[in-house]
Amino acid sequence: MEHTSSIEKIGTGLVCSVETYKGARIELVRRTSGFNGLSIYKNGKVRKIEIKTMQSGDKWIAINGVRAIDKLFFERDYWIYFVLVPENIVVMTNGLSFLQQQFKLSKESDYLPDLELWLKTTRKLAKYTGFKFIPRINVLLPIPLRKLVKIMLDDGENKKYWSDSVVEIWENKEKWERVYLSDRYTEI
């Protein structure tokens, strides 16, 4: 089994490759930004992307740091790209919608105001005390990613449930092929 940092580099390379193939320009950003990079399309659409590479385990992810948590839950253009290795599959999800679907969270529930208050309190405490807080959310996925890919590639009714959050799935065998596109999103 390869080292985690090597796997992350493979995942980043695959995401950059598929986004370039789609006609986007990729800008990787500093670690402190709360996401891995920007995918900028010719029509002006921008996706802030967080890349999660999964070699064997596909049942959980971690969101590390105040900025990353803030961007995931409160910015509309935040996307999580899941890279399945060795399958060379990239699953492009709308970040918040994906988590809401995974946990069946209602958009009307009060967890967002509570989370926002927690983030503000953490920032304030860090500012006034000099403490450095590195919060981490471990997200145990009720539907593992490989199982979700099978659902999305099946013609059954279950994939309609995910069409707001799973936007595209790409696979690279010898070249990139889009194997799924949500009917709720227009092509970029």
C-alpha atoms as a PDB file:
ATOM      1  CA  MET A   1       0.000   0.000   0.000  1.00  0.00           C
ATOM      2  CA  GLU A   2       1.318   3.435  -0.926  1.00  0.00           C
ATOM      3  CA  HIS A   3       1.914   6.275   1.532  1.00  0.00           C
ATOM      4  CA  THR A   4      -1.022   8.628   2.123  1.00  0.00           C
ATOM      5  CA  SER A   5       0.762  11.650   0.640  1.00  0.00           C
ATOM      6  CA  SER A   6       1.501   9.690  -2.561  1.00  0.00           C
ATOM      7  CA  ILE A   7      -2.161   8.711  -2.848  1.00  0.00           C
ATOM      8  CA  GLU A   8      -3.215  12.350  -2.320  1.00  0.00           C
ATOM      9  CA  LYS A   9      -0.888  13.432  -5.144  1.00  0.00           C
ATOM     10  CA  ILE A  10      -2.421  10.805  -7.441  1.00  0.00           C
ATOM     11  CA  GLY A  11      -5.899  12.102  -6.554  1.00  0.00           C
ATOM     12  CA  THR A  12      -4.912  15.716  -7.176  1.00  0.00           C
ATOM     13  CA  GLY A  13      -3.351  14.726 -10.499  1.00  0.00           C
ATOM     14  CA  LEU A  14      -6.499  12.909 -11.609  1.00  0.00           C
ATOM     15  CA  VAL A  15      -8.728  15.853 -10.651  1.00  0.00           C
ATOM     16  CA  CYS A  16      -6.467  18.319 -12.486  1.00  0.00           C
ATOM     17  CA  SER A  17      -6.451  16.010 -15.498  1.00  0.00           C
ATOM     18  CA  VAL A  18     -10.228  15.599 -15.731  1.00  0.00           C
ATOM     19  CA  GLU A  19     -10.934  19.300 -15.147  1.00  0.00           C
ATOM     20  CA  THR A  20      -8.411  20.245 -17.838  1.00  0.00           C
ATOM     21  CA  TYR A  21     -10.005  17.664 -20.134  1.00  0.00           C
ATOM     22  CA  LYS A  22     -13.377  19.348 -19.516  1.00  0.00           C
ATOM     23  CA  GLY A  23     -11.865  22.703 -20.518  1.00  0.00           C
ATOM     24  CA  ALA A  24     -11.375  24.245 -17.082  1.00  0.00           C
ATOM     25  CA  ARG A  25      -8.295  25.950 -15.756  1.00  0.00           C
ATOM     26  CA  ILE A  26      -7.052  24.669 -12.383  1.00  0.00           C
ATOM     27  CA  GLU A  27      -5.368  26.750  -9.708  1.00  0.00           C
ATOM     28  CA  LEU A  28      -4.058  24.882  -6.686  1.00  0.00           C
ATOM     29  CA  VAL A  29      -4.069  27.042  -3.550  1.00  0.00           C
ATOM     30  CA  ARG A  30      -2.280  27.239  -0.189  1.00  0.00           C
ATOM     31  CA  ARG A  31      -3.218  24.713   2.470  1.00  0.00           C
ATOM     32  CA  THR A  32      -4.575  27.476   4.710  1.00  0.00           C
ATOM     33  CA  SER A  33      -7.317  28.412   2.236  1.00  0.00           C
ATOM     34  CA  GLY A  34      -9.721  25.699   3.404  1.00  0.00           C
ATOM     35  CA  PHE A  35      -9.842  23.911   0.042  1.00  0.00           C
ATOM     36  CA  ASN A  36      -7.386  22.439  -2.474  1.00  0.00           C
ATOM     37  CA  GLY A  37      -7.983  24.519  -5.568  1.00  0.00           C
ATOM     38  CA  LEU A  38     -10.137  26.451  -7.969  1.00  0.00           C
ATOM     39  CA  SER A  39     -11.603  25.041 -11.132  1.00  0.00           C
ATOM     40  CA  ILE A  40     -12.337  27.951 -13.445  1.00  0.00           C
ATOM     41  CA  TYR A  41     -14.473  27.417 -16.537  1.00  0.00           C
ATOM     42  CA  LYS A  42     -14.533  29.510 -19.706  1.00  0.00           C
ATOM     43  CA  ASN A  43     -18.110  30.590 -19.021  1.00  0.00           C
ATOM     44  CA  GLY A  44     -16.990  32.176 -15.724  1.00  0.00           C
ATOM     45  CA  LYS A  45     -18.229  29.465 -13.364  1.00  0.00           C
ATOM     46  CA  VAL A  46     -15.851  28.704 -10.526  1.00  0.00           C
ATOM     47  CA  ARG A  47     -15.766  25.699  -8.241  1.00  0.00           C
ATOM     48  CA  LYS A  48     -13.808  25.723  -4.996  1.00  0.00           C
ATOM     49  CA  ILE A  49     -12.747  22.097  -4.834  1.00  0.00           C
ATOM     50  CA  GLU A  50     -11.684  19.912  -1.951  1.00  0.00           C
ATOM     51  CA  ILE A  51     -10.104  16.646  -3.081  1.00  0.00           C
ATOM     52  CA  LYS A  52     -10.615  13.491  -1.034  1.00  0.00           C
ATOM     53  CA  THR A  53      -8.650  10.524  -2.383  1.00  0.00           C
ATOM     54  CA  MET A  54      -9.764   7.069  -1.299  1.00  0.00           C
ATOM     55  CA  GLN A  55      -7.637   4.024  -1.954  1.00  0.00           C
ATOM     56  CA  SER A  56      -9.194   1.322   0.185  1.00  0.00           C
ATOM     57  CA  GLY A  57     -11.408   3.033   2.754  1.00  0.00           C
ATOM     58  CA  ASP A  58     -14.332   4.960   1.327  1.00  0.00           C
ATOM     59  CA  LYS A  59     -16.527   5.140   4.409  1.00  0.00           C
ATOM     60  CA  TRP A  60     -15.343   8.370   6.008  1.00  0.00           C
ATOM     61  CA  ILE A  61     -13.740  11.737   5.365  1.00  0.00           C
ATOM     62  CA  ALA A  62     -12.282  14.420   7.594  1.00  0.00           C
ATOM     63  CA  ILE A  63     -12.809  18.148   7.262  1.00  0.00           C
ATOM     64  CA  ASN A  64      -9.920  19.888   9.022  1.00  0.00           C
ATOM     65  CA  GLY A  65      -9.731  23.467  10.203  1.00  0.00           C
ATOM     66  CA  VAL A  66     -12.087  26.374  10.799  1.00  0.00           C
ATOM     67  CA  ARG A  67     -11.765  27.704   7.227  1.00  0.00           C
ATOM     68  CA  ALA A  68     -12.538  24.358   5.595  1.00  0.00           C
ATOM     69  CA  ILE A  69     -15.558  23.767   7.836  1.00  0.00           C
ATOM     70  CA  ASP A  70     -16.787  27.324   7.219  1.00  0.00           C
ATOM     71  CA  LYS A  71     -16.417  27.047   3.439  1.00  0.00           C
ATOM     72  CA  LEU A  72     -18.067  23.622   3.253  1.00  0.00           C
ATOM     73  CA  PHE A  73     -21.155  24.636   5.188  1.00  0.00           C
ATOM     74  CA  PHE A  74     -21.569  28.275   4.183  1.00  0.00           C
ATOM     75  CA  GLU A  75     -20.293  28.746   0.611  1.00  0.00           C
ATOM     76  CA  ARG A  76     -22.414  27.653  -2.340  1.00  0.00           C
ATOM     77  CA  ASP A  77     -19.524  27.071  -4.758  1.00  0.00           C
ATOM     78  CA  TYR A  78     -17.706  24.535  -2.553  1.00  0.00           C
ATOM     79  CA  TRP A  79     -17.350  21.120  -4.180  1.00  0.00           C
ATOM     80  CA  ILE A  80     -15.937  17.882  -2.851  1.00  0.00           C
ATOM     81  CA  TYR A  81     -14.251  15.712  -5.471  1.00  0.00           C
ATOM     82  CA  PHE A  82     -13.864  12.114  -4.374  1.00  0.00           C
ATOM     83  CA  VAL A  83     -11.164  10.181  -6.197  1.00  0.00           C
ATOM     84  CA  LEU A  84     -11.387   6.397  -6.065  1.00  0.00           C
ATOM     85  CA  VAL A  85      -8.025   4.731  -6.568  1.00  0.00           C
ATOM     86  CA  PRO A  86      -7.156   2.326  -8.233  1.00  0.00           C
ATOM     87  CA  GLU A  87     -10.422   2.638 -10.199  1.00  0.00           C
ATOM     88  CA  ASN A  88      -9.469   6.131 -11.488  1.00  0.00           C
ATOM     89  CA  ILE A  89     -12.963   7.431 -10.841  1.00  0.00           C
ATOM     90  CA  VAL A  90     -13.685  11.048  -9.890  1.00  0.00           C
ATOM     91  CA  VAL A  91     -17.040  11.736  -8.216  1.00  0.00           C
ATOM     92  CA  MET A  92     -17.896  15.450  -8.283  1.00  0.00           C
ATOM     93  CA  THR A  93     -20.314  16.512  -5.567  1.00  0.00           C
ATOM     94  CA  ASN A  94     -21.816  19.761  -4.381  1.00  0.00           C
ATOM     95  CA  GLY A  95     -20.293  19.742  -0.884  1.00  0.00           C
ATOM     96  CA  LEU A  96     -23.133  20.787   1.417  1.00  0.00           C
ATOM     97  CA  SER A  97     -25.858  19.075  -0.613  1.00  0.00           C
ATOM     98  CA  PHE A  98     -23.821  15.872  -0.545  1.00  0.00           C
ATOM     99  CA  LEU A  99     -23.529  15.890   3.252  1.00  0.00           C
ATOM    100  CA  GLN A 100     -27.200  16.778   3.629  1.00  0.00           C
ATOM    101  CA  GLN A 101     -28.124  13.796   1.442  1.00  0.00           C
ATOM    102  CA  GLN A 102     -25.741  11.439   3.233  1.00  0.00           C
ATOM    103  CA  PHE A 103     -27.203  12.332   6.625  1.00  0.00           C
ATOM    104  CA  LYS A 104     -30.739  13.114   5.481  1.00  0.00           C
ATOM    105  CA  LEU A 105     -30.380  16.579   6.980  1.00  0.00           C
ATOM    106  CA  SER A 106     -33.167  18.974   6.223  1.00  0.00           C
ATOM    107  CA  LYS A 107     -32.155  22.334   4.808  1.00  0.00           C
ATOM    108  CA  GLU A 108     -34.519  23.825   7.400  1.00  0.00           C
ATOM    109  CA  SER A 109     -32.978  22.165  10.483  1.00  0.00           C
ATOM    110  CA  ASP A 110     -31.108  24.265  13.039  1.00  0.00           C
ATOM    111  CA  TYR A 111     -27.704  22.644  12.787  1.00  0.00           C
ATOM    112  CA  LEU A 112     -26.339  25.415  10.504  1.00  0.00           C
ATOM    113  CA  PRO A 113     -26.951  28.292  12.973  1.00  0.00           C
ATOM    114  CA  ASP A 114     -25.451  26.157  15.759  1.00  0.00           C
ATOM    115  CA  LEU A 115     -22.438  25.337  13.608  1.00  0.00           C
ATOM    116  CA  GLU A 116     -21.996  28.993  12.646  1.00  0.00           C
ATOM    117  CA  LEU A 117     -22.116  30.026  16.318  1.00  0.00           C
ATOM    118  CA  TRP A 118     -19.527  27.345  17.158  1.00  0.00           C
ATOM    119  CA  LEU A 119     -17.206  28.631  14.393  1.00  0.00           C
ATOM    120  CA  LYS A 120     -17.581  32.268  15.509  1.00  0.00           C
ATOM    121  CA  THR A 121     -16.932  31.319  19.123  1.00  0.00           C
ATOM    122  CA  THR A 122     -13.859  29.284  18.147  1.00  0.00           C
ATOM    123  CA  ARG A 123     -12.447  32.187  16.108  1.00  0.00           C
ATOM    124  CA  LYS A 124     -13.139  34.675  18.906  1.00  0.00           C
ATOM    125  CA  LEU A 125     -11.547  32.456  21.526  1.00  0.00           C
ATOM    126  CA  ALA A 126      -8.474  31.950  19.331  1.00  0.00           C
ATOM    127  CA  LYS A 127      -8.174  35.682  18.684  1.00  0.00           C
ATOM    128  CA  TYR A 128      -8.340  36.709  22.339  1.00  0.00           C
ATOM    129  CA  THR A 129      -6.355  33.881  23.907  1.00  0.00           C
ATOM    130  CA  GLY A 130      -3.697  33.182  21.317  1.00  0.00           C
ATOM    131  CA  PHE A 131      -4.659  29.519  21.354  1.00  0.00           C
ATOM    132  CA  LYS A 132      -4.504  27.770  18.027  1.00  0.00           C
ATOM    133  CA  PHE A 133      -7.572  25.632  17.436  1.00  0.00           C
ATOM    134  CA  ILE A 134      -7.609  23.072  14.668  1.00  0.00           C
ATOM    135  CA  PRO A 135     -11.120  21.659  14.713  1.00  0.00           C
ATOM    136  CA  ARG A 136     -11.793  18.503  12.767  1.00  0.00           C
ATOM    137  CA  ILE A 137     -15.045  16.952  11.716  1.00  0.00           C
ATOM    138  CA  ASN A 138     -14.895  13.229  11.017  1.00  0.00           C
ATOM    139  CA  VAL A 139     -17.730  12.343   8.684  1.00  0.00           C
ATOM    140  CA  LEU A 140     -18.680   8.661   8.719  1.00  0.00           C
ATOM    141  CA  LEU A 141     -20.526   8.194   5.433  1.00  0.00           C
ATOM    142  CA  PRO A 142     -23.684   6.075   5.734  1.00  0.00           C
ATOM    143  CA  ILE A 143     -23.360   5.269   1.993  1.00  0.00           C
ATOM    144  CA  PRO A 144     -19.696   4.509   1.149  1.00  0.00           C
ATOM    145  CA  LEU A 145     -18.461   6.096  -2.076  1.00  0.00           C
ATOM    146  CA  ARG A 146     -17.974   2.912  -4.085  1.00  0.00           C
ATOM    147  CA  LYS A 147     -21.522   1.823  -3.230  1.00  0.00           C
ATOM    148  CA  LEU A 148     -22.789   5.306  -4.174  1.00  0.00           C
ATOM    149  CA  VAL A 149     -21.060   5.072  -7.565  1.00  0.00           C
ATOM    150  CA  LYS A 150     -22.877   1.769  -8.192  1.00  0.00           C
ATOM    151  CA  ILE A 151     -26.183   3.444  -7.257  1.00  0.00           C
ATOM    152  CA  MET A 152     -25.510   6.354  -9.628  1.00  0.00           C
ATOM    153  CA  LEU A 153     -24.567   4.084 -12.528  1.00  0.00           C
ATOM    154  CA  ASP A 154     -27.629   1.880 -12.013  1.00  0.00           C
ATOM    155  CA  ASP A 155     -30.822   2.817 -13.858  1.00  0.00           C
ATOM    156  CA  GLY A 156     -32.887   2.457 -10.674  1.00  0.00           C
ATOM    157  CA  GLU A 157     -34.919   5.039  -8.811  1.00  0.00           C
ATOM    158  CA  ASN A 158     -32.301   5.445  -6.054  1.00  0.00           C
ATOM    159  CA  LYS A 159     -30.071   7.666  -8.160  1.00  0.00           C
ATOM    160  CA  LYS A 160     -32.785  10.359  -8.371  1.00  0.00           C
ATOM    161  CA  TYR A 161     -32.387  10.866  -4.631  1.00  0.00           C
ATOM    162  CA  TRP A 162     -28.730  11.857  -5.194  1.00  0.00           C
ATOM    163  CA  SER A 163     -29.109  14.014  -8.324  1.00  0.00           C
ATOM    164  CA  ASP A 164     -28.951  17.296  -6.361  1.00  0.00           C
ATOM    165  CA  SER A 165     -25.644  16.430  -4.764  1.00  0.00           C
ATOM    166  CA  VAL A 166     -23.743  14.065  -7.084  1.00  0.00           C
ATOM    167  CA  VAL A 167     -23.221  16.148 -10.189  1.00  0.00           C
ATOM    168  CA  GLU A 168     -20.790  14.194 -12.362  1.00  0.00           C
ATOM    169  CA  ILE A 169     -18.828  10.968 -12.325  1.00  0.00           C
ATOM    170  CA  TRP A 170     -15.801  10.544 -14.597  1.00  0.00           C
ATOM    171  CA  GLU A 171     -13.734   7.442 -15.202  1.00  0.00           C
ATOM    172  CA  ASN A 172     -10.323   7.148 -16.813  1.00  0.00           C
ATOM    173  CA  LYS A 173      -9.457   3.825 -18.364  1.00  0.00           C
ATOM    174  CA  GLU A 174      -7.409   4.944 -21.352  1.00  0.00           C
ATOM    175  CA  LYS A 175      -9.078   8.334 -21.673  1.00  0.00           C
ATOM    176  CA  TRP A 176     -11.625  10.310 -19.660  1.00  0.00           C
ATOM    177  CA  GLU A 177     -15.258   9.319 -20.018  1.00  0.00           C
ATOM    178  CA  ARG A 178     -18.164  10.901 -18.193  1.00  0.00           C
ATOM    179  CA  VAL A 179     -20.225   7.996 -16.915  1.00  0.00           C
ATOM    180  CA  TYR A 180     -22.838  10.097 -15.092  1.00  0.00           C
ATOM    181  CA  LEU A 181     -24.235  13.642 -15.319  1.00  0.00           C
ATOM    182  CA  SER A 182     -27.050  14.811 -13.075  1.00  0.00           C
ATOM    183  CA  ASP A 183     -30.126  15.914 -14.988  1.00  0.00           C
ATOM    184  CA  ARG A 184     -30.429  18.846 -12.550  1.00  0.00           C
ATOM    185  CA  TYR A 185     -27.188  20.495 -13.644  1.00  0.00           C
ATOM    186  CA  THR A 186     -26.371  21.985 -17.002  1.00  0.00           C
ATOM    187  CA  GLU A 187     -23.097  21.062 -18.582  1.00  0.00           C
ATOM    188  CA  ILE A 188     -20.212  23.392 -17.966  1.00  0.00           C
END
